[in-house]
Amino acid sequence: MNPSKKKILENAFNLFLTESYSSVSMQRIQNASGVSRGAIYHHFKSKEEIFEEIVNEYLIPAFSTYSMIQEDDKSSLQNMIYASIKCRQSHINLLKEVTSFKMVDFYFFKFIFQASEHCKDFTEKVNVLSEKEFNGWRNGIQLAMRTGEIRSDIDLDYVAQSFMTIPLGLGVFSAFSNYININTKDLRTAYLRFYSLLKKTGFK
């Protein structure tokens, strides 16, 4: 990406994370980025265009960890879990890299709500990715059931849905719990505990 364009996106992202969409103007983005007016309009026609590219660059990938998992890591459910956590950590590292303040879940979830309100096709994009994510987990769980990695008497759709919602639930909890820092340690613990339950007799 062009360095000037990258600078504009990163600084605008910081503004949108901490402030309301309506309070962020092109002038404020220009001032925060330290570029000329000509430079900002060379890359973007409007604030709406900047916002949409930020959503596509920094937010949308958070809804699609499965699509980033390598084929070799799909050989077992346990490998998928570790690979998914690694992908999330990589995205978290990116967010920390481009933000100029201490990035916490509260700001990220606040930004999601802004995206749903102000970014065209956001909901549709998320729904498409969520369906892919669900089907990906479902396939991995089904394979694990066939190979004996986990029990075969579980509710396949429920378990696939759970693997999708565990990160979301932890994120929402941390977002409203005294601004806890974003991390994947709790996610790893939750995933592996759930995984261990799938191997135990009597859990459905």
Protein backbone atom coordinates (compact mmCIF):
# COMPACT_ATOMS: atom_id res chain seq x y z
CA MET A 1 0.00 0.00 0.00
CA ASN A 2 1.14 3.53 -0.78
CA PRO A 3 2.80 5.00 2.39
CA SER A 4 0.74 8.19 2.23
CA LYS A 5 -2.51 6.27 1.85
CA LYS A 6 -1.52 3.91 4.67
CA LYS A 7 -0.80 6.89 6.93
CA ILE A 8 -4.22 8.39 6.20
CA LEU A 9 -6.03 5.12 6.89
CA GLU A 10 -4.20 4.46 10.15
CA ASN A 11 -4.79 7.93 11.54
CA ALA A 12 -8.42 7.95 10.46
CA PHE A 13 -8.84 4.53 12.07
CA ASN A 14 -7.59 5.93 15.37
CA LEU A 15 -10.13 8.75 15.16
CA PHE A 16 -13.05 6.48 14.33
CA LEU A 17 -12.12 4.08 17.12
CA THR A 18 -12.27 6.70 19.85
CA GLU A 19 -14.87 9.14 18.51
CA SER A 20 -18.27 9.07 16.85
CA TYR A 21 -18.52 8.79 13.08
CA SER A 22 -20.23 12.19 12.76
CA SER A 23 -17.51 14.02 14.72
CA VAL A 24 -14.72 12.88 12.37
CA SER A 25 -14.37 15.19 9.36
CA MET A 26 -12.04 15.11 6.37
CA GLN A 27 -10.27 18.12 7.87
CA ARG A 28 -9.65 16.27 11.13
CA ILE A 29 -8.37 13.24 9.24
CA GLN A 30 -6.06 15.50 7.24
CA ASN A 31 -4.75 17.21 10.40
CA ALA A 32 -4.19 13.89 12.19
CA SER A 33 -2.40 12.42 9.18
CA GLY A 34 -0.18 15.45 8.58
CA VAL A 35 -0.74 15.36 4.82
CA SER A 36 -1.90 18.01 2.38
CA ARG A 37 -5.52 18.34 1.30
CA GLY A 38 -4.43 17.41 -2.22
CA ALA A 39 -2.83 14.23 -0.92
CA ILE A 40 -5.90 13.10 0.96
CA TYR A 41 -8.21 13.70 -2.01
CA HIS A 42 -5.75 12.00 -4.31
CA HIS A 43 -6.43 8.74 -2.51
CA PHE A 44 -10.02 9.22 -1.31
CA LYS A 45 -13.08 11.03 -2.58
CA SER A 46 -14.83 11.28 0.78
CA LYS A 47 -14.90 10.39 4.46
CA GLU A 48 -17.31 7.59 3.58
CA GLU A 49 -14.74 6.05 1.24
CA ILE A 50 -12.03 6.24 3.92
CA PHE A 51 -14.33 4.65 6.47
CA GLU A 52 -15.30 1.82 4.14
CA GLU A 53 -11.67 1.00 3.35
CA ILE A 54 -10.81 1.01 7.05
CA VAL A 55 -13.63 -1.43 7.71
CA ASN A 56 -12.43 -3.73 4.91
CA GLU A 57 -8.79 -3.49 6.00
CA TYR A 58 -9.01 -3.71 9.80
CA LEU A 59 -12.45 -4.98 10.76
CA ILE A 60 -13.75 -7.51 8.21
CA PRO A 61 -10.76 -9.91 8.64
CA ALA A 62 -11.73 -10.35 12.31
CA PHE A 63 -14.88 -12.18 11.17
CA SER A 64 -13.04 -14.73 9.06
CA THR A 65 -10.31 -16.63 10.89
CA TYR A 66 -11.21 -19.92 9.22
CA SER A 67 -10.44 -18.59 5.75
CA MET A 68 -6.91 -17.77 6.95
CA ILE A 69 -6.22 -21.25 8.31
CA GLN A 70 -3.83 -23.27 6.16
CA GLU A 71 -5.04 -26.59 4.75
CA ASP A 72 -2.46 -28.54 6.78
CA ASP A 73 -3.94 -27.11 9.98
CA LYS A 74 -7.38 -28.48 9.10
CA SER A 75 -6.24 -32.08 9.57
CA SER A 76 -7.58 -32.14 13.13
CA LEU A 77 -9.93 -30.06 15.26
CA GLN A 78 -7.19 -29.35 17.77
CA ASN A 79 -4.92 -28.03 15.01
CA MET A 80 -7.78 -25.85 13.78
CA ILE A 81 -8.23 -24.40 17.25
CA TYR A 82 -4.56 -23.48 17.57
CA ALA A 83 -4.47 -22.09 14.03
CA SER A 84 -7.58 -19.99 14.65
CA ILE A 85 -6.07 -18.53 17.80
CA LYS A 86 -2.85 -17.77 15.92
CA CYS A 87 -4.82 -15.94 13.20
CA ARG A 88 -6.68 -13.89 15.80
CA GLN A 89 -3.44 -13.01 17.55
CA SER A 90 -1.94 -11.92 14.25
CA HIS A 91 -4.88 -9.59 13.64
CA ILE A 92 -4.72 -8.24 17.18
CA ASN A 93 -1.01 -7.51 16.66
CA LEU A 94 -1.89 -5.60 13.49
CA LEU A 95 -4.48 -3.51 15.33
CA LYS A 96 -1.99 -2.73 18.11
CA GLU A 97 0.57 -1.76 15.49
CA VAL A 98 -1.67 0.78 13.76
CA THR A 99 -3.26 2.34 16.84
CA SER A 100 -1.56 5.14 18.73
CA PHE A 101 -3.17 4.31 22.08
CA LYS A 102 -3.73 1.25 24.25
CA MET A 103 -6.08 -0.83 22.12
CA VAL A 104 -8.81 -2.60 24.09
CA ASP A 105 -11.92 -4.55 23.15
CA PHE A 106 -14.26 -1.69 24.06
CA TYR A 107 -13.05 0.44 21.16
CA PHE A 108 -13.17 -2.46 18.73
CA PHE A 109 -16.78 -3.35 19.51
CA LYS A 110 -17.75 0.32 19.43
CA PHE A 111 -16.27 0.48 15.94
CA ILE A 112 -18.28 -2.59 14.87
CA PHE A 113 -21.51 -0.79 15.76
CA GLN A 114 -20.40 2.27 13.82
CA ALA A 115 -19.57 0.09 10.82
CA SER A 116 -22.99 -1.55 10.91
CA GLU A 117 -24.60 1.89 10.81
CA HIS A 118 -22.39 3.76 8.36
CA CYS A 119 -20.72 1.24 6.06
CA LYS A 120 -22.74 0.01 3.12
CA ASP A 121 -22.98 -3.76 2.71
CA PHE A 122 -21.23 -4.32 6.06
CA THR A 123 -23.96 -6.58 7.43
CA GLU A 124 -24.10 -8.56 4.19
CA LYS A 125 -20.32 -9.02 4.18
CA VAL A 126 -20.33 -10.19 7.79
CA ASN A 127 -23.19 -12.62 7.11
CA VAL A 128 -21.30 -14.15 4.17
CA LEU A 129 -18.13 -14.53 6.24
CA SER A 130 -20.07 -15.91 9.21
CA GLU A 131 -21.62 -18.57 7.01
CA LYS A 132 -18.18 -19.55 5.70
CA GLU A 133 -16.83 -19.60 9.25
CA PHE A 134 -19.71 -21.78 10.45
CA ASN A 135 -19.33 -24.24 7.57
CA GLY A 136 -15.57 -24.37 8.08
CA TRP A 137 -15.87 -25.24 11.76
CA ARG A 138 -18.68 -27.66 10.97
CA ASN A 139 -16.51 -29.52 8.44
CA GLY A 140 -13.61 -29.68 10.89
CA ILE A 141 -15.81 -30.95 13.70
CA GLN A 142 -17.42 -33.52 11.41
CA LEU A 143 -13.99 -34.80 10.41
CA ALA A 144 -12.97 -35.01 14.07
CA MET A 145 -16.11 -37.04 14.80
CA ARG A 146 -15.34 -39.45 11.93
CA THR A 147 -11.72 -39.96 12.95
CA GLY A 148 -12.55 -40.48 16.61
CA GLU A 149 -10.74 -37.33 17.75
CA ILE A 150 -13.96 -36.32 19.53
CA ARG A 151 -17.16 -38.18 20.34
CA SER A 152 -19.63 -38.86 17.54
CA ASP A 153 -22.82 -38.26 19.54
CA ILE A 154 -22.60 -34.48 19.81
CA ASP A 155 -24.87 -31.88 18.23
CA LEU A 156 -22.75 -30.89 15.22
CA ASP A 157 -24.41 -27.54 14.45
CA TYR A 158 -24.47 -26.49 18.11
CA VAL A 159 -20.77 -27.20 18.54
CA ALA A 160 -19.86 -25.37 15.31
CA GLN A 161 -21.91 -22.38 16.46
CA SER A 162 -20.19 -22.48 19.84
CA PHE A 163 -16.73 -22.30 18.28
CA MET A 164 -17.88 -19.15 16.50
CA THR A 165 -19.54 -17.47 19.49
CA ILE A 166 -16.93 -18.19 22.17
CA PRO A 167 -14.57 -15.44 20.87
CA LEU A 168 -17.48 -13.02 20.50
CA GLY A 169 -18.72 -13.68 24.02
CA LEU A 170 -15.28 -13.24 25.55
CA GLY A 171 -14.78 -10.05 23.54
CA VAL A 172 -18.05 -8.49 24.68
CA PHE A 173 -17.33 -9.47 28.29
CA SER A 174 -13.87 -7.91 28.23
CA ALA A 175 -15.15 -4.81 26.40
CA PHE A 176 -17.34 -3.91 29.37
CA SER A 177 -15.11 -5.18 32.17
CA ASN A 178 -12.94 -2.21 33.09
CA TYR A 179 -11.35 -1.93 29.65
CA ILE A 180 -9.42 -5.21 29.73
CA ASN A 181 -6.61 -5.45 27.16
CA ILE A 182 -7.18 -7.50 24.04
CA ASN A 183 -5.47 -10.90 24.26
CA THR A 184 -5.99 -14.51 23.19
CA LYS A 185 -5.00 -16.22 26.43
CA ASP A 186 -8.59 -16.48 27.67
CA LEU A 187 -9.75 -17.59 24.24
CA ARG A 188 -7.18 -20.39 24.19
CA THR A 189 -8.32 -21.54 27.65
CA ALA A 190 -12.00 -21.44 26.67
CA TYR A 191 -11.45 -23.28 23.40
CA LEU A 192 -9.36 -26.04 24.95
CA ARG A 193 -11.78 -26.56 27.84
CA PHE A 194 -14.64 -26.84 25.37
CA TYR A 195 -12.56 -29.19 23.24
CA SER A 196 -11.88 -31.41 26.26
CA LEU A 197 -15.63 -31.62 26.92
CA LEU A 198 -16.17 -32.89 23.38
CA LYS A 199 -13.96 -35.85 24.21
CA LYS A 200 -15.78 -36.74 27.46
CA THR A 201 -18.53 -39.33 27.70
CA GLY A 202 -21.87 -37.96 28.83
CA PHE A 203 -21.49 -34.40 27.48
CA LYS A 204 -23.86 -33.45 24.65
